[in-house]
N, C-alpha and C. Protein backbone atom coordinates (compact mmCIF):
# COMPACT_ATOMS: atom_id res chain seq x y z
N MET A 1 67.30 135.49 -36.23
CA MET A 1 67.33 134.27 -35.41
C MET A 1 68.74 133.68 -35.37
N LYS A 2 69.36 133.69 -36.55
CA LYS A 2 70.70 133.17 -36.62
C LYS A 2 71.65 134.03 -35.82
N LYS A 3 71.45 135.34 -35.87
CA LYS A 3 72.32 136.25 -35.12
C LYS A 3 72.20 136.01 -33.63
N GLY A 4 70.97 135.81 -33.14
CA GLY A 4 70.74 135.57 -31.72
C GLY A 4 71.39 134.27 -31.27
N THR A 5 71.27 133.28 -32.16
CA THR A 5 71.86 131.98 -31.86
C THR A 5 73.38 132.10 -31.77
N LEU A 6 73.97 132.88 -32.70
CA LEU A 6 75.41 133.08 -32.72
C LEU A 6 75.90 133.77 -31.46
N LEU A 7 75.16 134.81 -31.05
CA LEU A 7 75.53 135.54 -29.83
C LEU A 7 75.43 134.66 -28.60
N LEU A 8 74.38 133.83 -28.59
CA LEU A 8 74.21 132.91 -27.46
C LEU A 8 75.36 131.92 -27.40
N GLY A 9 75.78 131.44 -28.58
CA GLY A 9 76.90 130.50 -28.64
C GLY A 9 78.19 131.11 -28.14
N VAL A 10 78.44 132.37 -28.55
CA VAL A 10 79.64 133.08 -28.11
C VAL A 10 79.61 133.27 -26.60
N ALA A 11 78.44 133.61 -26.08
CA ALA A 11 78.29 133.83 -24.63
C ALA A 11 78.55 132.55 -23.86
N LEU A 12 78.06 131.43 -24.39
CA LEU A 12 78.27 130.14 -23.72
C LEU A 12 79.74 129.75 -23.73
N ILE A 13 80.41 130.04 -24.87
CA ILE A 13 81.84 129.74 -24.97
C ILE A 13 82.62 130.57 -23.95
N ALA A 14 82.27 131.86 -23.88
CA ALA A 14 82.94 132.77 -22.94
C ALA A 14 82.70 132.33 -21.50
N LEU A 15 81.45 131.88 -21.25
CA LEU A 15 81.11 131.43 -19.90
C LEU A 15 81.90 130.16 -19.56
N GLY A 16 82.00 129.28 -20.55
CA GLY A 16 82.74 128.04 -20.34
C GLY A 16 84.21 128.32 -20.11
N PHE A 17 84.73 129.29 -20.86
CA PHE A 17 86.15 129.65 -20.71
C PHE A 17 86.41 130.24 -19.34
N THR A 18 85.49 131.13 -18.90
CA THR A 18 85.61 131.75 -17.57
C THR A 18 85.52 130.69 -16.48
N SER A 19 84.57 129.76 -16.68
CA SER A 19 84.37 128.69 -15.70
C SER A 19 85.63 127.84 -15.60
N CYS A 20 86.24 127.58 -16.77
CA CYS A 20 87.46 126.77 -16.79
C CYS A 20 88.60 127.47 -16.06
N LYS A 21 88.69 128.78 -16.29
CA LYS A 21 89.73 129.55 -15.62
C LYS A 21 89.51 129.57 -14.12
N ASP A 22 88.23 129.70 -13.72
CA ASP A 22 87.90 129.72 -12.29
C ASP A 22 88.26 128.39 -11.64
N GLU A 23 87.98 127.30 -12.36
CA GLU A 23 88.28 125.98 -11.83
C GLU A 23 89.79 125.80 -11.65
N LYS A 24 90.55 126.29 -12.62
CA LYS A 24 92.01 126.20 -12.53
C LYS A 24 92.53 126.99 -11.35
N GLU A 25 91.91 128.15 -11.13
CA GLU A 25 92.35 129.00 -10.01
C GLU A 25 92.02 128.35 -8.68
N VAL A 26 90.81 127.78 -8.61
CA VAL A 26 90.41 127.09 -7.38
C VAL A 26 91.35 125.90 -7.11
N GLN A 27 91.65 125.15 -8.17
CA GLN A 27 92.53 123.99 -8.03
C GLN A 27 93.94 124.42 -7.63
N ALA A 28 94.39 125.55 -8.20
CA ALA A 28 95.72 126.05 -7.87
C ALA A 28 95.81 126.42 -6.38
N LYS A 29 94.78 127.05 -5.88
CA LYS A 29 94.77 127.42 -4.46
C LYS A 29 94.76 126.18 -3.58
N LYS A 30 94.02 125.15 -4.01
CA LYS A 30 93.98 123.90 -3.25
C LYS A 30 95.36 123.23 -3.23
N THR A 31 96.05 123.33 -4.37
CA THR A 31 97.39 122.72 -4.46
C THR A 31 98.35 123.39 -3.50
N VAL A 32 98.30 124.71 -3.44
CA VAL A 32 99.15 125.45 -2.51
C VAL A 32 98.78 125.11 -1.07
N GLU A 33 97.47 125.04 -0.82
CA GLU A 33 97.00 124.72 0.52
C GLU A 33 97.45 123.32 0.94
N THR A 34 97.42 122.37 0.01
CA THR A 34 97.86 121.00 0.29
C THR A 34 99.33 120.99 0.71
N TYR A 35 100.13 121.78 0.03
CA TYR A 35 101.55 121.90 0.36
C TYR A 35 101.74 122.47 1.76
N VAL A 36 101.02 123.54 2.06
CA VAL A 36 101.13 124.20 3.37
C VAL A 36 100.71 123.25 4.48
N VAL A 37 99.60 122.55 4.26
CA VAL A 37 99.08 121.61 5.26
C VAL A 37 100.08 120.48 5.49
N TYR A 38 100.71 120.01 4.42
CA TYR A 38 101.68 118.92 4.55
C TYR A 38 102.85 119.34 5.44
N VAL A 39 103.37 120.54 5.20
CA VAL A 39 104.50 121.02 6.01
C VAL A 39 104.06 121.19 7.46
N ASP A 40 102.87 121.76 7.66
CA ASP A 40 102.37 121.95 9.03
C ASP A 40 102.18 120.62 9.75
N SER A 41 101.77 119.59 9.00
CA SER A 41 101.50 118.28 9.61
C SER A 41 102.76 117.65 10.17
N LEU A 42 103.92 118.03 9.65
CA LEU A 42 105.17 117.45 10.13
C LEU A 42 105.49 117.87 11.56
N GLU A 43 104.89 118.97 11.99
CA GLU A 43 105.11 119.44 13.36
C GLU A 43 104.49 118.49 14.38
N ASN A 44 103.52 117.69 13.92
CA ASN A 44 102.83 116.76 14.82
C ASN A 44 103.45 115.37 14.83
N VAL A 45 104.55 115.21 14.08
CA VAL A 45 105.23 113.92 14.02
C VAL A 45 106.46 113.98 14.92
N SER A 46 106.70 112.94 15.67
CA SER A 46 107.84 112.92 16.59
C SER A 46 109.15 113.00 15.81
N THR A 47 110.16 113.56 16.46
CA THR A 47 111.47 113.70 15.81
C THR A 47 112.04 112.35 15.41
N ASP A 48 111.89 111.35 16.26
CA ASP A 48 112.40 110.01 15.95
C ASP A 48 111.74 109.43 14.71
N GLU A 49 110.43 109.66 14.60
CA GLU A 49 109.70 109.15 13.46
C GLU A 49 110.10 109.88 12.17
N VAL A 50 110.31 111.18 12.30
CA VAL A 50 110.75 111.98 11.14
C VAL A 50 112.11 111.50 10.66
N LYS A 51 113.04 111.28 11.61
CA LYS A 51 114.39 110.81 11.25
C LYS A 51 114.33 109.45 10.58
N ALA A 52 113.48 108.58 11.09
CA ALA A 52 113.39 107.22 10.57
C ALA A 52 112.80 107.18 9.15
N ASN A 53 111.96 108.17 8.84
CA ASN A 53 111.29 108.18 7.53
C ASN A 53 111.66 109.40 6.70
N TRP A 54 112.84 109.94 6.96
CA TRP A 54 113.22 111.21 6.33
C TRP A 54 113.23 111.16 4.81
N GLU A 55 113.72 110.11 4.22
CA GLU A 55 113.79 110.03 2.76
C GLU A 55 112.41 110.10 2.13
N SER A 56 111.45 109.40 2.71
CA SER A 56 110.07 109.43 2.20
C SER A 56 109.44 110.79 2.40
N ILE A 57 109.67 111.36 3.57
CA ILE A 57 109.12 112.69 3.87
C ILE A 57 109.66 113.73 2.90
N ASP A 58 110.95 113.67 2.65
CA ASP A 58 111.57 114.65 1.75
C ASP A 58 111.09 114.46 0.31
N ALA A 59 110.89 113.22 -0.10
CA ALA A 59 110.41 112.94 -1.46
C ALA A 59 109.01 113.53 -1.67
N VAL A 60 108.13 113.35 -0.68
CA VAL A 60 106.78 113.90 -0.76
C VAL A 60 106.85 115.44 -0.75
N TYR A 61 107.73 115.97 0.10
CA TYR A 61 107.88 117.43 0.18
C TYR A 61 108.29 118.01 -1.17
N GLN A 62 109.28 117.41 -1.81
CA GLN A 62 109.77 117.93 -3.09
C GLN A 62 108.65 117.92 -4.14
N LEU A 63 107.81 116.90 -4.11
CA LEU A 63 106.68 116.83 -5.04
C LEU A 63 105.67 117.93 -4.73
N ARG A 64 105.33 118.09 -3.44
CA ARG A 64 104.34 119.09 -3.04
C ARG A 64 104.79 120.52 -3.36
N VAL A 65 106.04 120.83 -3.06
CA VAL A 65 106.51 122.20 -3.29
C VAL A 65 106.61 122.49 -4.78
N SER A 66 106.97 121.48 -5.57
CA SER A 66 107.04 121.65 -7.03
C SER A 66 105.65 121.92 -7.59
N GLU A 67 104.66 121.16 -7.13
CA GLU A 67 103.28 121.36 -7.59
C GLU A 67 102.76 122.73 -7.17
N ALA A 68 103.09 123.15 -5.95
CA ALA A 68 102.62 124.45 -5.45
C ALA A 68 103.20 125.60 -6.26
N GLU A 69 104.48 125.49 -6.59
CA GLU A 69 105.13 126.55 -7.37
C GLU A 69 104.56 126.64 -8.78
N MET A 70 104.27 125.49 -9.39
CA MET A 70 103.67 125.48 -10.73
C MET A 70 102.24 126.02 -10.70
N ALA A 71 101.54 125.80 -9.58
CA ALA A 71 100.15 126.25 -9.46
C ALA A 71 100.03 127.77 -9.49
N LEU A 72 101.08 128.46 -9.11
CA LEU A 72 101.05 129.93 -9.08
C LEU A 72 100.75 130.52 -10.46
N ALA A 73 101.10 129.79 -11.50
CA ALA A 73 100.87 130.29 -12.86
C ALA A 73 99.39 130.40 -13.19
N ASN A 74 98.54 129.69 -12.46
CA ASN A 74 97.10 129.70 -12.71
C ASN A 74 96.35 130.65 -11.77
N LEU A 75 97.09 131.48 -11.05
CA LEU A 75 96.45 132.43 -10.14
C LEU A 75 96.60 133.85 -10.65
N LYS A 76 95.49 134.59 -10.65
CA LYS A 76 95.53 135.98 -11.07
C LYS A 76 96.35 136.81 -10.09
N GLU A 77 96.04 136.61 -8.83
CA GLU A 77 96.77 137.32 -7.77
C GLU A 77 97.39 136.26 -6.86
N SER A 78 98.69 136.14 -6.95
CA SER A 78 99.35 135.03 -6.25
C SER A 78 100.22 135.48 -5.08
N ALA A 79 100.12 136.75 -4.70
CA ALA A 79 100.98 137.27 -3.64
C ALA A 79 100.80 136.50 -2.33
N LYS A 80 99.54 136.26 -1.94
CA LYS A 80 99.28 135.55 -0.68
C LYS A 80 99.80 134.12 -0.74
N GLU A 81 99.52 133.45 -1.86
CA GLU A 81 99.97 132.07 -2.00
C GLU A 81 101.50 131.97 -2.01
N MET A 82 102.13 132.94 -2.66
CA MET A 82 103.59 132.96 -2.67
C MET A 82 104.14 133.15 -1.27
N GLU A 83 103.48 133.99 -0.51
CA GLU A 83 103.89 134.22 0.88
C GLU A 83 103.73 132.94 1.70
N ASP A 84 102.62 132.23 1.46
CA ASP A 84 102.37 130.97 2.18
C ASP A 84 103.43 129.92 1.83
N ILE A 85 103.77 129.86 0.54
CA ILE A 85 104.78 128.90 0.09
C ILE A 85 106.13 129.20 0.73
N ASN A 86 106.52 130.46 0.73
CA ASN A 86 107.81 130.84 1.32
C ASN A 86 107.85 130.57 2.82
N ALA A 87 106.73 130.83 3.51
CA ALA A 87 106.67 130.59 4.95
C ALA A 87 106.81 129.09 5.25
N SER A 88 106.13 128.27 4.44
CA SER A 88 106.22 126.82 4.64
C SER A 88 107.60 126.30 4.28
N ARG A 89 108.20 126.89 3.24
CA ARG A 89 109.55 126.48 2.86
C ARG A 89 110.53 126.76 4.00
N ALA A 90 110.37 127.92 4.64
CA ALA A 90 111.23 128.27 5.77
C ALA A 90 111.05 127.29 6.92
N LYS A 91 109.81 126.88 7.17
CA LYS A 91 109.53 125.91 8.23
C LYS A 91 110.22 124.58 7.92
N TYR A 92 110.11 124.18 6.67
CA TYR A 92 110.67 122.89 6.27
C TYR A 92 112.19 122.91 6.36
N GLU A 93 112.80 123.98 5.91
CA GLU A 93 114.27 124.08 5.95
C GLU A 93 114.77 124.05 7.39
N ALA A 94 113.99 124.67 8.29
CA ALA A 94 114.36 124.66 9.71
C ALA A 94 114.29 123.23 10.26
N LEU A 95 113.24 122.51 9.86
CA LEU A 95 113.09 121.11 10.28
C LEU A 95 114.23 120.27 9.71
N LYS A 96 114.56 120.49 8.45
CA LYS A 96 115.63 119.74 7.79
C LYS A 96 116.96 119.97 8.50
N ALA A 97 117.24 121.22 8.84
CA ALA A 97 118.49 121.55 9.54
C ALA A 97 118.54 120.85 10.90
N LYS A 98 117.41 120.81 11.58
CA LYS A 98 117.34 120.17 12.89
C LYS A 98 117.61 118.66 12.78
N ILE A 99 116.98 118.03 11.79
CA ILE A 99 117.15 116.59 11.60
C ILE A 99 118.59 116.26 11.23
N GLU A 100 119.18 117.03 10.35
CA GLU A 100 120.56 116.78 9.93
C GLU A 100 121.53 116.97 11.09
N ALA A 101 121.27 117.98 11.93
CA ALA A 101 122.12 118.23 13.09
C ALA A 101 122.03 117.06 14.08
N GLU A 102 120.83 116.54 14.27
CA GLU A 102 120.64 115.42 15.21
C GLU A 102 121.26 114.14 14.67
N LYS A 103 121.23 113.98 13.35
CA LYS A 103 121.86 112.80 12.75
C LYS A 103 123.36 112.82 12.98
N VAL A 104 123.95 114.02 12.84
CA VAL A 104 125.39 114.15 13.05
C VAL A 104 125.75 113.89 14.50
N SER A 105 124.97 114.48 15.42
CA SER A 105 125.27 114.34 16.84
C SER A 105 125.06 112.92 17.35
N SER A 106 124.16 112.19 16.69
CA SER A 106 123.87 110.82 17.15
C SER A 106 124.70 109.77 16.41
N ALA A 107 125.46 110.20 15.41
CA ALA A 107 126.29 109.26 14.66
C ALA A 107 127.39 108.71 15.56
N PRO A 108 127.66 107.43 15.45
CA PRO A 108 128.70 106.84 16.31
C PRO A 108 130.06 107.46 16.02
N ASP A 109 130.80 107.77 17.06
CA ASP A 109 132.11 108.38 16.90
C ASP A 109 133.10 107.34 16.40
N LEU A 110 133.89 107.71 15.41
CA LEU A 110 134.88 106.78 14.87
C LEU A 110 135.95 106.50 15.91
N ASN A 111 136.44 105.28 15.95
CA ASN A 111 137.51 104.99 16.89
C ASN A 111 138.80 105.65 16.42
N THR A 112 139.75 105.74 17.31
CA THR A 112 141.00 106.47 17.04
C THR A 112 141.74 105.90 15.85
N LYS A 113 141.80 104.58 15.73
CA LYS A 113 142.53 103.96 14.62
C LYS A 113 141.90 104.31 13.28
N GLN A 114 140.56 104.29 13.22
CA GLN A 114 139.89 104.59 11.96
C GLN A 114 140.06 106.06 11.58
N LYS A 115 140.03 106.94 12.57
CA LYS A 115 140.27 108.36 12.30
C LYS A 115 141.66 108.56 11.71
N LEU A 116 142.62 107.82 12.25
CA LEU A 116 144.00 107.93 11.77
C LEU A 116 144.11 107.43 10.32
N LYS A 117 143.42 106.33 10.03
CA LYS A 117 143.42 105.80 8.66
C LYS A 117 142.80 106.81 7.69
N ASN A 118 141.70 107.42 8.12
CA ASN A 118 141.04 108.42 7.27
C ASN A 118 141.93 109.63 7.03
N THR A 119 142.68 110.00 8.07
CA THR A 119 143.58 111.16 7.96
C THR A 119 144.70 110.89 6.97
N LEU A 120 145.27 109.71 7.03
CA LEU A 120 146.45 109.40 6.23
C LEU A 120 146.15 108.90 4.82
N PHE A 121 144.99 108.26 4.64
CA PHE A 121 144.70 107.66 3.34
C PHE A 121 143.41 108.17 2.69
N GLY A 122 142.63 108.95 3.42
CA GLY A 122 141.37 109.44 2.86
C GLY A 122 140.17 108.71 3.43
N GLU A 123 139.05 109.40 3.46
CA GLU A 123 137.82 108.87 4.03
C GLU A 123 137.38 107.59 3.34
N GLY A 124 137.20 106.54 4.14
CA GLY A 124 136.64 105.30 3.62
C GLY A 124 137.57 104.42 2.81
N LYS A 125 138.84 104.80 2.68
CA LYS A 125 139.78 103.99 1.89
C LYS A 125 140.17 102.70 2.60
N MET A 126 140.34 102.79 3.92
CA MET A 126 140.79 101.62 4.69
C MET A 126 139.81 101.27 5.78
N GLY A 127 139.53 99.98 5.91
CA GLY A 127 138.68 99.50 6.98
C GLY A 127 139.53 98.87 8.07
N ASP A 128 139.11 97.70 8.55
CA ASP A 128 139.83 97.04 9.63
C ASP A 128 141.11 96.34 9.17
N ASP A 129 141.13 95.93 7.91
CA ASP A 129 142.32 95.23 7.44
C ASP A 129 143.33 96.20 6.84
N MET A 130 144.52 95.69 6.52
CA MET A 130 145.56 96.51 5.90
C MET A 130 146.05 95.83 4.62
N SER A 131 145.11 95.32 3.85
CA SER A 131 145.48 94.61 2.62
C SER A 131 145.84 95.56 1.49
N PHE A 132 145.32 96.78 1.55
CA PHE A 132 145.60 97.79 0.52
C PHE A 132 145.27 97.29 -0.89
N THR A 133 144.21 96.50 -1.01
CA THR A 133 143.85 95.96 -2.33
C THR A 133 143.42 97.05 -3.31
N TRP A 134 143.05 98.21 -2.81
CA TRP A 134 142.63 99.32 -3.69
C TRP A 134 143.83 100.06 -4.28
N VAL A 135 145.03 99.71 -3.83
CA VAL A 135 146.25 100.34 -4.34
C VAL A 135 146.79 99.50 -5.51
N ASP A 136 147.03 100.15 -6.65
CA ASP A 136 147.59 99.43 -7.80
C ASP A 136 148.73 100.24 -8.43
N LYS A 137 149.25 99.75 -9.53
CA LYS A 137 150.41 100.39 -10.17
C LYS A 137 150.10 101.81 -10.65
N ASN A 138 148.82 102.08 -10.89
CA ASN A 138 148.44 103.40 -11.41
C ASN A 138 148.29 104.47 -10.33
N ASN A 139 147.96 104.04 -9.11
CA ASN A 139 147.71 105.04 -8.06
C ASN A 139 148.67 104.98 -6.87
N ILE A 140 149.57 104.00 -6.87
CA ILE A 140 150.39 103.80 -5.68
C ILE A 140 151.29 105.01 -5.37
N LEU A 141 151.80 105.67 -6.39
CA LEU A 141 152.64 106.85 -6.15
C LEU A 141 151.84 107.95 -5.46
N SER A 142 150.63 108.19 -5.95
CA SER A 142 149.79 109.24 -5.35
C SER A 142 149.41 108.87 -3.92
N VAL A 143 149.26 107.58 -3.63
CA VAL A 143 148.94 107.12 -2.27
C VAL A 143 150.11 107.44 -1.34
N TYR A 144 151.32 107.12 -1.78
CA TYR A 144 152.51 107.44 -0.98
C TYR A 144 152.64 108.95 -0.77
N GLU A 145 152.43 109.70 -1.81
CA GLU A 145 152.57 111.16 -1.72
C GLU A 145 151.55 111.76 -0.75
N ALA A 146 150.30 111.31 -0.87
CA ALA A 146 149.25 111.81 0.02
C ALA A 146 149.50 111.38 1.46
N PHE A 147 149.94 110.14 1.64
CA PHE A 147 150.26 109.61 2.96
C PHE A 147 151.36 110.44 3.62
N PHE A 148 152.41 110.70 2.89
CA PHE A 148 153.55 111.45 3.42
C PHE A 148 153.16 112.88 3.76
N GLN A 149 152.39 113.51 2.89
CA GLN A 149 151.97 114.89 3.14
C GLN A 149 151.03 114.98 4.34
N SER A 150 150.10 114.04 4.43
CA SER A 150 149.17 114.02 5.56
C SER A 150 149.90 113.78 6.87
N TYR A 151 150.91 112.91 6.80
CA TYR A 151 151.72 112.63 7.99
C TYR A 151 152.41 113.91 8.47
N LYS A 152 153.04 114.63 7.55
CA LYS A 152 153.76 115.87 7.91
C LYS A 152 152.80 116.93 8.46
N ASP A 153 151.60 116.96 7.89
CA ASP A 153 150.61 117.96 8.32
C ASP A 153 150.05 117.68 9.71
N ASN A 154 150.05 116.41 10.11
CA ASN A 154 149.35 116.03 11.35
C ASN A 154 150.23 115.42 12.43
N LYS A 155 151.50 115.21 12.16
CA LYS A 155 152.36 114.48 13.10
C LYS A 155 152.47 115.14 14.47
N GLU A 156 152.30 116.45 14.53
CA GLU A 156 152.41 117.13 15.82
C GLU A 156 151.27 116.74 16.77
N ASN A 157 150.20 116.21 16.19
CA ASN A 157 149.03 115.84 17.01
C ASN A 157 148.99 114.35 17.35
N PHE A 158 149.99 113.58 16.88
CA PHE A 158 149.97 112.14 17.10
C PHE A 158 150.51 111.78 18.49
N SER A 159 149.88 110.77 19.06
CA SER A 159 150.36 110.23 20.34
C SER A 159 151.35 109.11 20.04
N ARG A 160 151.96 108.56 21.09
CA ARG A 160 152.89 107.45 20.89
C ARG A 160 152.17 106.26 20.26
N GLU A 161 150.91 106.02 20.69
CA GLU A 161 150.13 104.93 20.12
C GLU A 161 149.83 105.18 18.64
N ASP A 162 149.61 106.44 18.31
CA ASP A 162 149.36 106.80 16.90
C ASP A 162 150.57 106.47 16.04
N TYR A 163 151.75 106.81 16.55
CA TYR A 163 152.98 106.53 15.79
C TYR A 163 153.18 105.03 15.58
N ASP A 164 152.83 104.24 16.59
CA ASP A 164 152.92 102.79 16.44
C ASP A 164 151.98 102.31 15.33
N GLU A 165 150.79 102.90 15.29
CA GLU A 165 149.81 102.52 14.28
C GLU A 165 150.24 102.98 12.89
N VAL A 166 150.83 104.18 12.83
CA VAL A 166 151.35 104.69 11.56
C VAL A 166 152.42 103.75 11.01
N LYS A 167 153.27 103.26 11.89
CA LYS A 167 154.33 102.33 11.47
C LYS A 167 153.73 101.07 10.85
N LEU A 168 152.68 100.54 11.47
CA LEU A 168 152.03 99.34 10.94
C LEU A 168 151.40 99.62 9.57
N MET A 169 150.78 100.79 9.44
CA MET A 169 150.16 101.15 8.16
C MET A 169 151.22 101.29 7.08
N TYR A 170 152.32 101.93 7.44
CA TYR A 170 153.41 102.14 6.49
C TYR A 170 153.98 100.80 6.02
N GLU A 171 154.14 99.89 6.95
CA GLU A 171 154.66 98.56 6.60
C GLU A 171 153.67 97.81 5.70
N GLY A 172 152.36 98.03 5.97
CA GLY A 172 151.33 97.41 5.14
C GLY A 172 151.36 97.95 3.72
N LEU A 173 151.56 99.25 3.60
CA LEU A 173 151.65 99.87 2.28
C LEU A 173 152.89 99.39 1.54
N ASP A 174 153.99 99.26 2.26
CA ASP A 174 155.24 98.76 1.65
C ASP A 174 155.07 97.33 1.15
N SER A 175 154.34 96.54 1.92
CA SER A 175 154.10 95.16 1.52
C SER A 175 153.29 95.13 0.22
N ARG A 176 152.31 96.03 0.13
CA ARG A 176 151.50 96.12 -1.09
C ARG A 176 152.37 96.56 -2.27
N LYS A 177 153.34 97.42 -2.01
CA LYS A 177 154.23 97.90 -3.07
C LYS A 177 155.01 96.74 -3.69
N ASN A 178 155.44 95.80 -2.86
CA ASN A 178 156.17 94.64 -3.36
C ASN A 178 155.34 93.85 -4.37
N THR A 179 154.03 93.79 -4.09
CA THR A 179 153.13 93.09 -5.01
C THR A 179 152.93 93.89 -6.29
N VAL A 180 152.73 95.19 -6.12
CA VAL A 180 152.47 96.08 -7.26
C VAL A 180 153.67 96.13 -8.21
N GLU A 181 154.87 96.06 -7.65
CA GLU A 181 156.08 96.07 -8.49
C GLU A 181 156.05 94.95 -9.52
N LYS A 182 155.53 93.80 -9.11
CA LYS A 182 155.46 92.64 -10.00
C LYS A 182 154.35 92.80 -11.05
N GLU A 183 153.46 93.77 -10.82
CA GLU A 183 152.34 93.97 -11.73
C GLU A 183 152.59 95.07 -12.76
N GLY A 184 153.85 95.56 -12.78
CA GLY A 184 154.20 96.52 -13.82
C GLY A 184 154.36 97.95 -13.36
N LEU A 185 154.77 98.17 -12.10
CA LEU A 185 155.03 99.52 -11.61
C LEU A 185 156.16 100.15 -12.43
N SER A 186 155.94 101.37 -12.91
CA SER A 186 156.95 102.00 -13.75
C SER A 186 158.21 102.34 -12.95
N SER A 187 159.34 102.35 -13.60
CA SER A 187 160.61 102.65 -12.93
C SER A 187 160.63 104.09 -12.41
N ASP A 188 159.97 104.98 -13.13
CA ASP A 188 159.91 106.39 -12.71
C ASP A 188 159.14 106.53 -11.40
N ASP A 189 157.96 105.88 -11.33
CA ASP A 189 157.15 105.93 -10.10
C ASP A 189 157.88 105.24 -8.96
N ASN A 190 158.56 104.15 -9.28
CA ASN A 190 159.30 103.41 -8.26
C ASN A 190 160.39 104.28 -7.65
N ALA A 191 161.07 105.06 -8.49
CA ALA A 191 162.14 105.93 -8.01
C ALA A 191 161.58 107.04 -7.12
N LYS A 192 160.43 107.57 -7.49
CA LYS A 192 159.81 108.63 -6.69
C LYS A 192 159.35 108.09 -5.34
N ILE A 193 158.83 106.88 -5.33
CA ILE A 193 158.41 106.24 -4.07
C ILE A 193 159.62 106.02 -3.18
N ALA A 194 160.72 105.58 -3.79
CA ALA A 194 161.95 105.34 -3.03
C ALA A 194 162.42 106.64 -2.36
N SER A 195 162.26 107.75 -3.06
CA SER A 195 162.65 109.05 -2.51
C SER A 195 161.80 109.41 -1.30
N ILE A 196 160.49 109.12 -1.39
CA ILE A 196 159.58 109.39 -0.27
C ILE A 196 159.96 108.52 0.93
N LYS A 197 160.23 107.24 0.67
CA LYS A 197 160.59 106.32 1.74
C LYS A 197 161.88 106.75 2.44
N LEU A 198 162.81 107.28 1.65
CA LEU A 198 164.10 107.73 2.19
C LEU A 198 163.90 108.90 3.17
N LYS A 199 162.91 109.73 2.90
CA LYS A 199 162.63 110.87 3.79
C LYS A 199 161.77 110.45 4.97
N PHE A 200 160.79 109.57 4.69
CA PHE A 200 159.82 109.22 5.71
C PHE A 200 160.38 108.32 6.81
N GLY A 201 161.17 107.31 6.44
CA GLY A 201 161.69 106.35 7.41
C GLY A 201 162.37 106.99 8.61
N PRO A 202 163.39 107.83 8.38
CA PRO A 202 164.08 108.48 9.50
C PRO A 202 163.17 109.43 10.28
N MET A 203 162.28 110.12 9.56
CA MET A 203 161.36 111.05 10.22
C MET A 203 160.46 110.32 11.20
N LEU A 204 159.91 109.19 10.77
CA LEU A 204 159.04 108.41 11.63
C LEU A 204 159.80 107.90 12.85
N LYS A 205 161.00 107.44 12.64
CA LYS A 205 161.81 106.91 13.73
C LYS A 205 162.06 107.96 14.80
N VAL A 206 162.44 109.16 14.38
CA VAL A 206 162.72 110.26 15.31
C VAL A 206 161.44 110.67 16.04
N ASN A 207 160.35 110.78 15.30
CA ASN A 207 159.08 111.19 15.90
C ASN A 207 158.58 110.19 16.93
N ARG A 208 158.73 108.91 16.63
CA ARG A 208 158.29 107.86 17.58
C ARG A 208 159.12 107.91 18.85
N MET A 209 160.43 108.10 18.69
CA MET A 209 161.31 108.17 19.85
C MET A 209 160.96 109.39 20.70
N GLY A 210 160.67 110.50 20.05
CA GLY A 210 160.31 111.71 20.77
C GLY A 210 159.01 111.55 21.53
N ALA A 211 158.03 110.92 20.89
CA ALA A 211 156.73 110.71 21.53
C ALA A 211 156.86 109.76 22.72
N LYS A 212 157.71 108.75 22.57
CA LYS A 212 157.92 107.79 23.66
C LYS A 212 158.61 108.45 24.84
N SER A 213 159.61 109.29 24.55
CA SER A 213 160.33 110.01 25.62
C SER A 213 159.40 110.94 26.35
N GLU A 214 158.54 111.61 25.58
CA GLU A 214 157.57 112.55 26.18
C GLU A 214 156.59 111.81 27.06
N GLU A 215 156.16 110.65 26.62
CA GLU A 215 155.21 109.85 27.40
C GLU A 215 155.86 109.38 28.71
N MET A 216 157.11 108.98 28.64
CA MET A 216 157.82 108.53 29.85
C MET A 216 158.05 109.69 30.82
N ALA A 217 158.32 110.86 30.28
CA ALA A 217 158.55 112.03 31.12
C ALA A 217 157.26 112.40 31.86
N LYS A 218 156.14 112.31 31.17
CA LYS A 218 154.85 112.64 31.80
C LYS A 218 154.51 111.62 32.88
N ALA A 219 154.90 110.36 32.64
CA ALA A 219 154.59 109.28 33.61
C ALA A 219 155.36 109.50 34.91
N LYS A 220 156.54 110.13 34.82
CA LYS A 220 157.34 110.37 36.00
C LYS A 220 156.88 111.58 36.83
N GLU A 221 156.07 112.41 36.21
CA GLU A 221 155.62 113.64 36.92
C GLU A 221 154.67 113.32 38.05
């Protein structure tokens, strides 16, 4: 009697274990299916709505794909599910590329002055004003060096108006230098800046004159 009871107990445990494994497998398949359905559902959402809610959509996507990938561990045969995951991932990446491309194309074009500021001082360093408050005794030399190098690299593409704007920016930077000198600018950095100014001043003058002459010549044609 005891032996029969023991065998029955073992059988029930085995059945329970099998049932548990089956439930995990069923749940794993549902998790993968939820991920696939989520990606497919995005095809029914307008592009404008997707763009407007992209951060939320991407956050949910990252959660769904992570859950789907972890669910594969509970599947005996996961080839089909893996194929479904990869197919949905490809769909999502295509959608992501489309949204990013449209965001770039719809972004407002920077005005000429701002493009020039970005070229000479770096992206986002200068806005509408020329206070140069971000320039201090520790970085002013590198600002002059980068400015001078960027100028030399791009001066062939500048118009007469660009040169006028460059002159204003240069004067603004020089004005900031006068302030920085009082804040402890080292003599070594000051000497190096002076060397840059000695090269840049005449170069700018010649380039502006050349651009102005070229503009006048074109006006006469």
